[in-house]
Amino acid sequence: MKTSNTLSRKYSMQREVILNILRSTKSHPTADWVYEQARRLIPGISLGTVYRNLKILKEDGVISELAFANTFCRYDGNAEPHYHFTCEKCKRVVDVEGMTESFNYLNESVSKNLDAKILKHRIEFYGICKDCKGGED
């Protein structure tokens, strides 16, 4: 994973702040949430600056953008391959841990099936989280 010191673009204090905000949370925030957090540290920062820097960080492979149907994009400070679960009640997005072996298996299987070179894949899980489901099963 790239660090802020190895970004391919000119250093930006705003970009560094945005990256630190994303890496300090596991909540997969929206750009608006990142903007609100950044304003606490850089009062004059604009929403446009946040969006531009999120785009640069995504293009440089430092963060991931999670675009879900019919909702806002969310951002993940962890650009390493991993899966996500979205609760359909509270809309919380969480990382699915411990699935590393699945990446290799799926990539190899699809590659063989299609005779193609798989660069990456994305799988999303949807359901009701343990907090929202309470006692229902």
N, C-alpha and C. Protein backbone atom coordinates (compact mmCIF):
# COMPACT_ATOMS: atom_id res chain seq x y z
N MET A 1 0.84 -1.18 0.00
CA MET A 1 0.00 0.00 0.00
C MET A 1 0.88 1.23 0.00
N LYS A 2 0.51 2.22 -0.76
CA LYS A 2 1.28 3.45 -0.83
C LYS A 2 1.04 4.26 0.43
N THR A 3 2.05 5.00 0.82
CA THR A 3 1.90 5.94 1.93
C THR A 3 1.89 7.34 1.38
N SER A 4 1.55 8.28 2.22
CA SER A 4 1.45 9.66 1.74
C SER A 4 2.80 10.17 1.25
N ASN A 5 3.90 9.60 1.72
CA ASN A 5 5.21 10.04 1.26
C ASN A 5 5.55 9.55 -0.13
N THR A 6 4.81 8.55 -0.62
CA THR A 6 5.12 8.01 -1.94
C THR A 6 4.06 8.37 -2.98
N LEU A 7 3.22 9.34 -2.65
CA LEU A 7 2.23 9.76 -3.63
C LEU A 7 2.93 10.30 -4.86
N SER A 8 2.35 10.08 -6.01
CA SER A 8 2.98 10.47 -7.26
C SER A 8 2.80 11.96 -7.57
N ARG A 9 2.10 12.67 -6.74
CA ARG A 9 1.81 14.08 -7.00
C ARG A 9 2.48 14.96 -5.96
N LYS A 10 2.49 16.25 -6.24
CA LYS A 10 3.05 17.24 -5.34
C LYS A 10 2.37 17.15 -3.98
N TYR A 11 3.13 17.31 -2.90
CA TYR A 11 2.60 17.25 -1.54
C TYR A 11 1.54 18.32 -1.34
N SER A 12 0.49 17.95 -0.63
CA SER A 12 -0.58 18.87 -0.29
C SER A 12 -0.97 18.63 1.16
N MET A 13 -0.93 19.69 1.97
CA MET A 13 -1.31 19.57 3.37
C MET A 13 -2.77 19.14 3.50
N GLN A 14 -3.64 19.67 2.62
CA GLN A 14 -5.04 19.29 2.66
C GLN A 14 -5.21 17.80 2.37
N ARG A 15 -4.47 17.28 1.40
CA ARG A 15 -4.56 15.87 1.04
C ARG A 15 -4.09 15.01 2.20
N GLU A 16 -3.02 15.44 2.86
CA GLU A 16 -2.50 14.70 4.01
C GLU A 16 -3.54 14.64 5.14
N VAL A 17 -4.21 15.75 5.40
CA VAL A 17 -5.25 15.79 6.44
C VAL A 17 -6.39 14.86 6.07
N ILE A 18 -6.83 14.90 4.82
CA ILE A 18 -7.94 14.05 4.36
C ILE A 18 -7.56 12.57 4.48
N LEU A 19 -6.34 12.23 4.08
CA LEU A 19 -5.88 10.84 4.20
C LEU A 19 -5.85 10.41 5.66
N ASN A 20 -5.35 11.26 6.53
CA ASN A 20 -5.30 10.92 7.96
C ASN A 20 -6.70 10.73 8.54
N ILE A 21 -7.64 11.56 8.10
CA ILE A 21 -9.03 11.41 8.55
C ILE A 21 -9.57 10.05 8.13
N LEU A 22 -9.35 9.67 6.89
CA LEU A 22 -9.85 8.38 6.40
C LEU A 22 -9.18 7.20 7.10
N ARG A 23 -7.91 7.33 7.37
CA ARG A 23 -7.20 6.22 8.03
C ARG A 23 -7.52 6.12 9.51
N SER A 24 -8.13 7.15 10.07
CA SER A 24 -8.42 7.14 11.50
C SER A 24 -9.82 6.58 11.81
N THR A 25 -10.57 6.19 10.77
CA THR A 25 -11.91 5.66 10.99
C THR A 25 -12.13 4.39 10.18
N LYS A 26 -12.99 3.55 10.68
CA LYS A 26 -13.38 2.35 9.94
C LYS A 26 -14.83 2.48 9.47
N SER A 27 -15.37 3.70 9.52
CA SER A 27 -16.79 3.89 9.23
C SER A 27 -17.13 4.05 7.75
N HIS A 28 -16.14 4.08 6.87
CA HIS A 28 -16.38 4.23 5.44
C HIS A 28 -17.25 5.47 5.17
N PRO A 29 -16.70 6.64 5.48
CA PRO A 29 -17.50 7.87 5.44
C PRO A 29 -17.78 8.39 4.03
N THR A 30 -18.76 9.28 3.97
CA THR A 30 -19.06 10.01 2.74
C THR A 30 -18.10 11.20 2.64
N ALA A 31 -18.05 11.82 1.47
CA ALA A 31 -17.22 13.01 1.28
C ALA A 31 -17.69 14.13 2.20
N ASP A 32 -18.99 14.25 2.42
CA ASP A 32 -19.51 15.29 3.31
C ASP A 32 -18.99 15.12 4.74
N TRP A 33 -18.93 13.88 5.21
CA TRP A 33 -18.42 13.61 6.55
C TRP A 33 -16.94 13.97 6.63
N VAL A 34 -16.18 13.58 5.61
CA VAL A 34 -14.75 13.90 5.56
C VAL A 34 -14.58 15.42 5.58
N TYR A 35 -15.41 16.11 4.81
CA TYR A 35 -15.36 17.58 4.75
C TYR A 35 -15.60 18.19 6.14
N GLU A 36 -16.60 17.70 6.85
CA GLU A 36 -16.89 18.23 8.19
C GLU A 36 -15.72 18.01 9.14
N GLN A 37 -15.08 16.85 9.05
CA GLN A 37 -13.92 16.57 9.90
C GLN A 37 -12.74 17.46 9.51
N ALA A 38 -12.52 17.62 8.21
CA ALA A 38 -11.40 18.43 7.72
C ALA A 38 -11.57 19.89 8.11
N ARG A 39 -12.80 20.38 8.12
CA ARG A 39 -13.06 21.78 8.50
C ARG A 39 -12.65 22.07 9.93
N ARG A 40 -12.65 21.07 10.77
CA ARG A 40 -12.21 21.26 12.16
C ARG A 40 -10.72 21.57 12.23
N LEU A 41 -9.98 21.02 11.26
CA LEU A 41 -8.52 21.20 11.23
C LEU A 41 -8.09 22.32 10.29
N ILE A 42 -8.85 22.48 9.21
CA ILE A 42 -8.57 23.51 8.21
C ILE A 42 -9.88 24.26 7.96
N PRO A 43 -10.18 25.27 8.76
CA PRO A 43 -11.48 25.94 8.66
C PRO A 43 -11.83 26.47 7.27
N GLY A 44 -10.86 26.85 6.47
CA GLY A 44 -11.14 27.42 5.16
C GLY A 44 -11.25 26.41 4.02
N ILE A 45 -11.15 25.13 4.33
CA ILE A 45 -11.18 24.12 3.26
C ILE A 45 -12.58 24.08 2.63
N SER A 46 -12.62 23.87 1.32
CA SER A 46 -13.91 23.80 0.63
C SER A 46 -14.29 22.35 0.35
N LEU A 47 -15.57 22.13 0.13
CA LEU A 47 -16.05 20.80 -0.23
C LEU A 47 -15.43 20.36 -1.55
N GLY A 48 -15.26 21.29 -2.47
CA GLY A 48 -14.61 20.99 -3.75
C GLY A 48 -13.18 20.50 -3.57
N THR A 49 -12.46 21.10 -2.65
CA THR A 49 -11.08 20.66 -2.35
C THR A 49 -11.08 19.25 -1.81
N VAL A 50 -12.04 18.94 -0.96
CA VAL A 50 -12.14 17.58 -0.41
C VAL A 50 -12.41 16.59 -1.54
N TYR A 51 -13.37 16.89 -2.41
CA TYR A 51 -13.67 15.99 -3.53
C TYR A 51 -12.46 15.82 -4.46
N ARG A 52 -11.78 16.90 -4.78
CA ARG A 52 -10.59 16.81 -5.65
C ARG A 52 -9.52 15.92 -5.04
N ASN A 53 -9.28 16.10 -3.75
CA ASN A 53 -8.24 15.31 -3.09
C ASN A 53 -8.65 13.87 -2.89
N LEU A 54 -9.92 13.60 -2.65
CA LEU A 54 -10.39 12.21 -2.60
C LEU A 54 -10.17 11.53 -3.95
N LYS A 55 -10.43 12.26 -5.02
CA LYS A 55 -10.22 11.71 -6.37
C LYS A 55 -8.74 11.40 -6.61
N ILE A 56 -7.86 12.31 -6.22
CA ILE A 56 -6.42 12.09 -6.38
C ILE A 56 -5.96 10.89 -5.56
N LEU A 57 -6.39 10.80 -4.31
CA LEU A 57 -6.01 9.68 -3.45
C LEU A 57 -6.50 8.36 -4.02
N LYS A 58 -7.70 8.38 -4.59
CA LYS A 58 -8.24 7.17 -5.23
C LYS A 58 -7.42 6.81 -6.47
N GLU A 59 -7.14 7.79 -7.33
CA GLU A 59 -6.36 7.54 -8.54
C GLU A 59 -4.96 7.03 -8.22
N ASP A 60 -4.38 7.50 -7.12
CA ASP A 60 -3.05 7.06 -6.71
C ASP A 60 -3.07 5.71 -5.99
N GLY A 61 -4.27 5.14 -5.78
CA GLY A 61 -4.38 3.83 -5.15
C GLY A 61 -4.17 3.84 -3.66
N VAL A 62 -4.28 4.99 -3.03
CA VAL A 62 -4.05 5.11 -1.60
C VAL A 62 -5.32 4.83 -0.80
N ILE A 63 -6.48 5.15 -1.39
CA ILE A 63 -7.77 4.88 -0.76
C ILE A 63 -8.66 4.16 -1.76
N SER A 64 -9.77 3.67 -1.28
CA SER A 64 -10.77 3.05 -2.15
C SER A 64 -12.04 3.87 -2.12
N GLU A 65 -12.73 3.92 -3.24
CA GLU A 65 -14.04 4.54 -3.31
C GLU A 65 -15.07 3.43 -3.43
N LEU A 66 -16.06 3.45 -2.57
CA LEU A 66 -17.11 2.44 -2.58
C LEU A 66 -18.37 3.10 -3.11
N ALA A 67 -18.68 2.80 -4.34
CA ALA A 67 -19.88 3.36 -4.97
C ALA A 67 -20.99 2.32 -4.90
N PHE A 68 -21.98 2.58 -4.08
CA PHE A 68 -23.10 1.67 -3.92
C PHE A 68 -24.29 2.23 -4.67
N ALA A 69 -25.10 1.37 -5.23
CA ALA A 69 -26.28 1.80 -5.98
C ALA A 69 -27.22 2.60 -5.09
N ASN A 70 -27.76 3.67 -5.65
CA ASN A 70 -28.78 4.49 -4.99
C ASN A 70 -28.34 5.09 -3.66
N THR A 71 -27.06 5.39 -3.50
CA THR A 71 -26.58 6.01 -2.28
C THR A 71 -25.33 6.82 -2.58
N PHE A 72 -24.84 7.53 -1.60
CA PHE A 72 -23.62 8.31 -1.76
C PHE A 72 -22.41 7.39 -1.85
N CYS A 73 -21.37 7.87 -2.50
CA CYS A 73 -20.11 7.14 -2.48
C CYS A 73 -19.54 7.23 -1.07
N ARG A 74 -18.86 6.19 -0.70
CA ARG A 74 -18.16 6.18 0.59
C ARG A 74 -16.69 5.92 0.31
N TYR A 75 -15.85 6.27 1.27
CA TYR A 75 -14.42 6.17 1.07
C TYR A 75 -13.80 5.32 2.16
N ASP A 76 -12.75 4.62 1.78
CA ASP A 76 -12.09 3.68 2.69
C ASP A 76 -10.60 3.97 2.68
N GLY A 77 -10.05 4.25 3.85
CA GLY A 77 -8.62 4.51 3.97
C GLY A 77 -7.76 3.28 3.80
N ASN A 78 -8.38 2.12 3.73
CA ASN A 78 -7.67 0.86 3.52
C ASN A 78 -7.83 0.45 2.06
N ALA A 79 -6.78 0.62 1.28
CA ALA A 79 -6.85 0.30 -0.15
C ALA A 79 -6.49 -1.15 -0.44
N GLU A 80 -6.14 -1.92 0.58
CA GLU A 80 -5.84 -3.33 0.38
C GLU A 80 -7.12 -4.08 0.03
N PRO A 81 -7.04 -5.16 -0.76
CA PRO A 81 -8.26 -5.90 -1.12
C PRO A 81 -8.99 -6.43 0.12
N HIS A 82 -10.26 -6.14 0.20
CA HIS A 82 -11.11 -6.69 1.25
C HIS A 82 -12.57 -6.48 0.86
N TYR A 83 -13.45 -7.24 1.51
CA TYR A 83 -14.87 -7.19 1.22
C TYR A 83 -15.59 -6.27 2.21
N HIS A 84 -16.84 -5.91 1.86
CA HIS A 84 -17.64 -5.05 2.72
C HIS A 84 -19.04 -5.64 2.91
N PHE A 85 -19.60 -5.34 4.07
CA PHE A 85 -20.97 -5.70 4.39
C PHE A 85 -21.72 -4.40 4.66
N THR A 86 -22.90 -4.23 4.05
CA THR A 86 -23.74 -3.06 4.27
C THR A 86 -25.04 -3.49 4.93
N CYS A 87 -25.37 -2.86 6.05
CA CYS A 87 -26.63 -3.13 6.72
C CYS A 87 -27.73 -2.36 6.00
N GLU A 88 -28.77 -3.06 5.61
CA GLU A 88 -29.85 -2.44 4.88
C GLU A 88 -30.79 -1.62 5.77
N LYS A 89 -30.63 -1.73 7.09
CA LYS A 89 -31.45 -0.91 8.00
C LYS A 89 -30.71 0.37 8.37
N CYS A 90 -29.53 0.25 8.97
CA CYS A 90 -28.81 1.44 9.45
C CYS A 90 -27.83 2.01 8.42
N LYS A 91 -27.61 1.28 7.32
CA LYS A 91 -26.72 1.71 6.22
C LYS A 91 -25.25 1.73 6.59
N ARG A 92 -24.89 1.17 7.73
CA ARG A 92 -23.49 1.10 8.13
C ARG A 92 -22.75 0.14 7.21
N VAL A 93 -21.52 0.51 6.85
CA VAL A 93 -20.66 -0.33 6.01
C VAL A 93 -19.49 -0.78 6.86
N VAL A 94 -19.25 -2.09 6.91
CA VAL A 94 -18.14 -2.62 7.71
C VAL A 94 -17.28 -3.54 6.86
N ASP A 95 -16.01 -3.64 7.23
CA ASP A 95 -15.09 -4.55 6.57
C ASP A 95 -15.41 -5.98 6.96
N VAL A 96 -15.29 -6.90 6.01
CA VAL A 96 -15.40 -8.33 6.29
C VAL A 96 -13.97 -8.84 6.40
N GLU A 97 -13.60 -9.25 7.59
CA GLU A 97 -12.22 -9.67 7.87
C GLU A 97 -12.01 -11.15 7.56
N GLY A 98 -10.76 -11.54 7.36
CA GLY A 98 -10.38 -12.94 7.25
C GLY A 98 -10.76 -13.64 5.96
N MET A 99 -10.87 -12.90 4.87
CA MET A 99 -11.28 -13.52 3.61
C MET A 99 -10.15 -13.50 2.57
N THR A 100 -8.92 -13.32 2.99
CA THR A 100 -7.79 -13.18 2.07
C THR A 100 -7.67 -14.36 1.12
N GLU A 101 -7.85 -15.58 1.60
CA GLU A 101 -7.73 -16.76 0.73
C GLU A 101 -8.78 -16.74 -0.38
N SER A 102 -9.93 -16.14 -0.10
CA SER A 102 -11.00 -16.08 -1.10
C SER A 102 -10.60 -15.25 -2.31
N PHE A 103 -9.78 -14.20 -2.10
CA PHE A 103 -9.36 -13.36 -3.21
C PHE A 103 -8.62 -14.18 -4.26
N ASN A 104 -7.63 -14.93 -3.81
CA ASN A 104 -6.83 -15.72 -4.74
C ASN A 104 -7.67 -16.79 -5.43
N TYR A 105 -8.52 -17.47 -4.66
CA TYR A 105 -9.36 -18.52 -5.23
C TYR A 105 -10.28 -17.96 -6.30
N LEU A 106 -10.98 -16.87 -5.99
CA LEU A 106 -11.91 -16.29 -6.96
C LEU A 106 -11.18 -15.79 -8.20
N ASN A 107 -10.09 -15.10 -8.01
CA ASN A 107 -9.34 -14.58 -9.15
C ASN A 107 -8.86 -15.71 -10.05
N GLU A 108 -8.31 -16.76 -9.45
CA GLU A 108 -7.82 -17.89 -10.25
C GLU A 108 -8.95 -18.62 -10.95
N SER A 109 -10.06 -18.81 -10.25
CA SER A 109 -11.20 -19.52 -10.83
C SER A 109 -11.79 -18.76 -12.01
N VAL A 110 -12.01 -17.48 -11.85
CA VAL A 110 -12.59 -16.68 -12.93
C VAL A 110 -11.60 -16.54 -14.07
N SER A 111 -10.34 -16.40 -13.75
CA SER A 111 -9.31 -16.30 -14.78
C SER A 111 -9.29 -17.55 -15.66
N LYS A 112 -9.37 -18.71 -15.01
CA LYS A 112 -9.38 -19.97 -15.75
C LYS A 112 -10.66 -20.11 -16.56
N ASN A 113 -11.80 -19.78 -15.97
CA ASN A 113 -13.09 -19.90 -16.63
C ASN A 113 -13.19 -19.02 -17.87
N LEU A 114 -12.66 -17.82 -17.81
CA LEU A 114 -12.77 -16.87 -18.92
C LEU A 114 -11.51 -16.77 -19.77
N ASP A 115 -10.48 -17.49 -19.36
CA ASP A 115 -9.17 -17.36 -20.01
C ASP A 115 -8.78 -15.88 -20.08
N ALA A 116 -8.86 -15.23 -18.93
CA ALA A 116 -8.59 -13.80 -18.83
C ALA A 116 -7.63 -13.53 -17.67
N LYS A 117 -7.03 -12.38 -17.67
CA LYS A 117 -6.18 -11.97 -16.56
C LYS A 117 -7.03 -11.09 -15.64
N ILE A 118 -7.26 -11.54 -14.43
CA ILE A 118 -8.06 -10.80 -13.47
C ILE A 118 -7.13 -9.88 -12.69
N LEU A 119 -7.46 -8.59 -12.69
CA LEU A 119 -6.66 -7.60 -11.97
C LEU A 119 -7.19 -7.37 -10.56
N LYS A 120 -8.51 -7.38 -10.42
CA LYS A 120 -9.13 -7.21 -9.11
C LYS A 120 -10.60 -7.58 -9.23
N HIS A 121 -11.26 -7.70 -8.10
CA HIS A 121 -12.70 -7.93 -8.11
C HIS A 121 -13.30 -7.24 -6.89
N ARG A 122 -14.62 -7.13 -6.93
CA ARG A 122 -15.33 -6.49 -5.82
C ARG A 122 -16.60 -7.26 -5.55
N ILE A 123 -16.77 -7.65 -4.30
CA ILE A 123 -17.96 -8.35 -3.87
C ILE A 123 -18.51 -7.60 -2.66
N GLU A 124 -19.80 -7.38 -2.65
CA GLU A 124 -20.44 -6.68 -1.55
C GLU A 124 -21.50 -7.59 -0.93
N PHE A 125 -21.58 -7.56 0.37
CA PHE A 125 -22.59 -8.32 1.10
C PHE A 125 -23.60 -7.35 1.68
N TYR A 126 -24.90 -7.72 1.62
CA TYR A 126 -25.97 -6.90 2.15
C TYR A 126 -26.83 -7.73 3.08
N GLY A 127 -27.31 -7.12 4.14
CA GLY A 127 -28.18 -7.82 5.07
C GLY A 127 -28.53 -6.91 6.23
N ILE A 128 -28.80 -7.52 7.37
CA ILE A 128 -29.14 -6.78 8.58
C ILE A 128 -28.05 -7.07 9.61
N CYS A 129 -27.41 -6.02 10.11
CA CYS A 129 -26.30 -6.21 11.06
C CYS A 129 -26.81 -6.73 12.40
N LYS A 130 -25.90 -7.20 13.22
CA LYS A 130 -26.29 -7.79 14.51
C LYS A 130 -26.98 -6.77 15.40
N ASP A 131 -26.60 -5.49 15.35
CA ASP A 131 -27.25 -4.49 16.17
C ASP A 131 -28.69 -4.25 15.74
N CYS A 132 -28.93 -4.23 14.43
CA CYS A 132 -30.29 -3.97 13.92
C CYS A 132 -31.20 -5.18 13.99
N LYS A 133 -30.64 -6.37 13.85
CA LYS A 133 -31.50 -7.56 13.86
C LYS A 133 -31.97 -7.92 15.25
N GLY A 134 -31.24 -7.48 16.28
CA GLY A 134 -31.65 -7.75 17.66
C GLY A 134 -31.92 -9.21 17.87
N GLY A 135 -33.16 -9.56 18.23
CA GLY A 135 -33.52 -10.95 18.49
C GLY A 135 -34.10 -11.67 17.30
N GLU A 136 -34.29 -10.99 16.16
CA GLU A 136 -34.89 -11.66 15.01
C GLU A 136 -33.89 -12.54 14.28
N ASP A 137 -34.33 -13.62 13.70
CA ASP A 137 -33.46 -14.51 12.92
C ASP A 137 -34.13 -14.97 11.70
